[in-house]
């Protein structure tokens, strides 16, 4: 199965100069945990709910004034629409990420998530393995 068969095609995106508050509002409106950051249709980063919690709110930043570019992860790992879904699951597992923007010729065409894999019966083992790897702490818990 290819990524393009499973990905979500209508993707909310942000501009790097949008506020962190705007990012949070989009996440709430669409019930999503991350938003690709684009210049035009080119993906330049990704911002997650965790980025907002740890790099903005926990640091006492003003989310109305802080720009997405200040806390986003630049140059995110991406998938290609023709990539095998097993390869996408492996990337998520190895990189400990839950979502992959799908890019074709530098343009965003969708997003695939661990949740997308979990709802496909034949992919549930891949999703379970990726979730296990993602859930392992990357540093010791104190």
Protein backbone atom coordinates (compact mmCIF):
# COMPACT_ATOMS: atom_id res chain seq x y z
CA UNK A 1 0.00 0.00 0.00
CA UNK A 2 1.28 3.48 -0.88
CA UNK A 3 1.27 6.56 1.33
CA UNK A 4 -1.02 8.37 -1.13
CA UNK A 5 -3.72 5.75 -0.51
CA UNK A 6 -3.80 6.44 3.22
CA UNK A 7 -2.77 10.08 3.66
CA UNK A 8 -5.08 12.94 4.55
CA UNK A 9 -5.16 15.20 1.52
CA UNK A 10 -6.64 18.42 2.90
CA UNK A 11 -3.93 19.68 5.22
CA UNK A 12 -4.09 22.81 7.35
CA UNK A 13 -0.81 24.71 7.10
CA UNK A 14 0.79 27.72 8.72
CA UNK A 15 3.21 30.41 7.62
CA UNK A 16 6.41 30.81 9.66
CA UNK A 17 5.35 34.35 10.61
CA UNK A 18 1.98 33.25 12.02
CA UNK A 19 1.65 33.46 15.79
CA UNK A 20 1.93 30.47 18.08
CA UNK A 21 -1.58 31.37 19.23
CA UNK A 22 -2.82 30.91 15.64
CA UNK A 23 -1.10 27.51 15.52
CA UNK A 24 -2.89 26.44 18.70
CA UNK A 25 -6.24 27.66 17.36
CA UNK A 26 -5.80 25.67 14.14
CA UNK A 27 -4.91 22.56 16.15
CA UNK A 28 -8.03 23.02 18.26
CA UNK A 29 -10.31 23.74 15.27
CA UNK A 30 -9.19 20.67 13.32
CA UNK A 31 -8.47 18.45 16.34
CA UNK A 32 -4.89 17.82 15.22
CA UNK A 33 -1.57 17.69 17.05
CA UNK A 34 0.73 19.17 14.42
CA UNK A 35 0.66 21.59 11.52
CA UNK A 36 3.16 21.77 8.65
CA UNK A 37 4.74 25.20 8.20
CA UNK A 38 5.03 26.31 4.58
CA UNK A 39 6.42 29.06 2.40
CA UNK A 40 3.91 28.91 -0.41
CA UNK A 41 3.40 25.17 -0.88
CA UNK A 42 6.95 24.26 0.23
CA UNK A 43 7.23 22.62 3.65
CA UNK A 44 9.91 24.36 5.73
CA UNK A 45 8.96 23.06 9.17
CA UNK A 46 6.39 21.51 11.44
CA UNK A 47 4.95 22.70 14.75
CA UNK A 48 3.40 20.32 17.26
CA UNK A 49 1.26 20.69 20.34
CA UNK A 50 4.32 19.54 22.30
CA UNK A 51 6.40 22.36 20.78
CA UNK A 52 3.80 24.85 21.98
CA UNK A 53 3.66 23.35 25.48
CA UNK A 54 7.42 23.03 26.01
CA UNK A 55 8.99 25.79 23.90
CA UNK A 56 6.38 28.47 24.41
CA UNK A 57 3.97 28.07 27.33
CA UNK A 58 6.42 26.41 29.74
CA UNK A 59 8.98 29.12 28.92
CA UNK A 60 6.47 31.87 29.74
CA UNK A 61 6.36 33.22 26.18
CA UNK A 62 3.49 35.37 24.90
CA UNK A 63 1.80 33.11 22.35
CA UNK A 64 0.11 36.10 20.70
CA UNK A 65 3.46 37.68 19.83
CA UNK A 66 5.71 34.66 19.42
CA UNK A 67 6.16 33.50 15.82
CA UNK A 68 5.81 29.90 14.70
CA UNK A 69 9.34 30.06 13.23
CA UNK A 70 10.74 30.52 16.76
CA UNK A 71 9.58 27.11 18.00
CA UNK A 72 8.92 24.97 14.91
CA UNK A 73 11.16 22.09 13.91
CA UNK A 74 12.85 23.07 10.65
CA UNK A 75 13.42 20.71 7.74
CA UNK A 76 11.02 18.03 8.94
CA UNK A 77 11.23 14.42 7.85
CA UNK A 78 8.74 13.95 5.02
CA UNK A 79 7.20 11.14 3.01
CA UNK A 80 6.67 10.84 -0.72
CA UNK A 81 3.16 9.93 -1.98
CA UNK A 82 4.54 6.86 -3.78
CA UNK A 83 6.46 5.62 -0.74
CA UNK A 84 5.39 2.25 0.62
CA UNK A 85 3.39 2.70 3.83
CA UNK A 86 5.67 0.20 5.58
CA UNK A 87 8.60 2.53 4.90
CA UNK A 88 6.65 5.46 6.33
CA UNK A 89 5.91 3.41 9.48
CA UNK A 90 9.59 2.53 9.77
CA UNK A 91 10.58 6.20 9.50
CA UNK A 92 8.06 7.15 12.20
CA UNK A 93 9.40 4.40 14.41
CA UNK A 94 13.08 5.24 13.90
CA UNK A 95 12.62 9.01 14.24
CA UNK A 96 10.08 8.75 17.09
CA UNK A 97 7.52 10.90 15.28
CA UNK A 98 3.78 10.45 14.88
CA UNK A 99 3.14 12.37 11.67
CA UNK A 100 4.83 12.78 8.30
CA UNK A 101 4.02 15.58 5.88
CA UNK A 102 3.67 14.13 2.38
CA UNK A 103 5.58 16.12 -0.22
CA UNK A 104 5.67 15.83 -4.01
CA UNK A 105 8.10 18.08 -5.93
CA UNK A 106 8.61 20.16 -2.76
CA UNK A 107 4.86 20.82 -2.50
CA UNK A 108 2.74 19.56 0.38
CA UNK A 109 0.09 17.15 -0.86
CA UNK A 110 -0.98 15.50 2.40
CA UNK A 111 -0.02 14.17 5.80
CA UNK A 112 0.12 10.61 7.10
CA UNK A 113 -0.08 9.79 10.79
CA UNK A 114 0.38 6.86 13.08
CA UNK A 115 -3.40 6.99 13.58
CA UNK A 116 -3.91 6.49 9.84
CA UNK A 117 -1.94 3.26 10.08
CA UNK A 118 -3.78 2.09 13.19
CA UNK A 119 -7.21 2.10 11.52
CA UNK A 120 -6.08 -0.12 8.64
CA UNK A 121 -6.39 -3.77 9.75
CA UNK A 122 -3.43 -4.96 7.67
CA UNK A 123 -1.23 -2.17 9.09
CA UNK A 124 -2.05 -2.51 12.78
CA UNK A 125 1.15 -4.44 13.53
CA UNK A 126 3.23 -1.68 11.91
CA UNK A 127 1.33 0.96 13.90
CA UNK A 128 1.77 -0.96 17.14
CA UNK A 129 5.52 -1.34 16.59
CA UNK A 130 5.95 2.31 15.67
CA UNK A 131 3.94 3.46 18.68
CA UNK A 132 6.05 1.30 20.97
CA UNK A 133 9.25 2.83 19.57
CA UNK A 134 7.87 6.37 19.69
CA UNK A 135 6.73 5.93 23.28
CA UNK A 136 10.17 4.91 24.53
CA UNK A 137 11.84 7.84 26.28
CA UNK A 138 14.73 9.31 24.33
CA UNK A 139 16.46 10.30 27.56
CA UNK A 140 16.35 8.82 31.04
CA UNK A 141 13.43 9.81 33.22
CA UNK A 142 14.59 11.44 36.44
